[in-house]
């Protein structure tokens, strides 16, 4: 696998849902594609979308792991993460663990 980096991003869709994606392009370019309906199956019916959060990773594998992790999170956990509220994020994560 190539060592070229990639970015992970979270979009707010017009219907209020979140979409998490990964791109090797500039994030702004990819957001424009989502808004144009290009390679955007999930978001094409939820336009317009707006960028809420993004991060670049030097290693593609790190970006893939991060995207998959975020996609598995609840809405509340995604919101805490985007706010940088790591105390709430930790609390939400611990709720899922068996007692």
Foldseek 3Di string as FASTA:
>chain_A
DDQAKKKWFWKQFQVRDIDIDIGSDPVVVVLVCLQVVHVNVPRVVRDDIDTQDMDMDSGHVVNVVVSVVLVPDDPVLVVCVSVVVVVVNVVRVVVPDDD
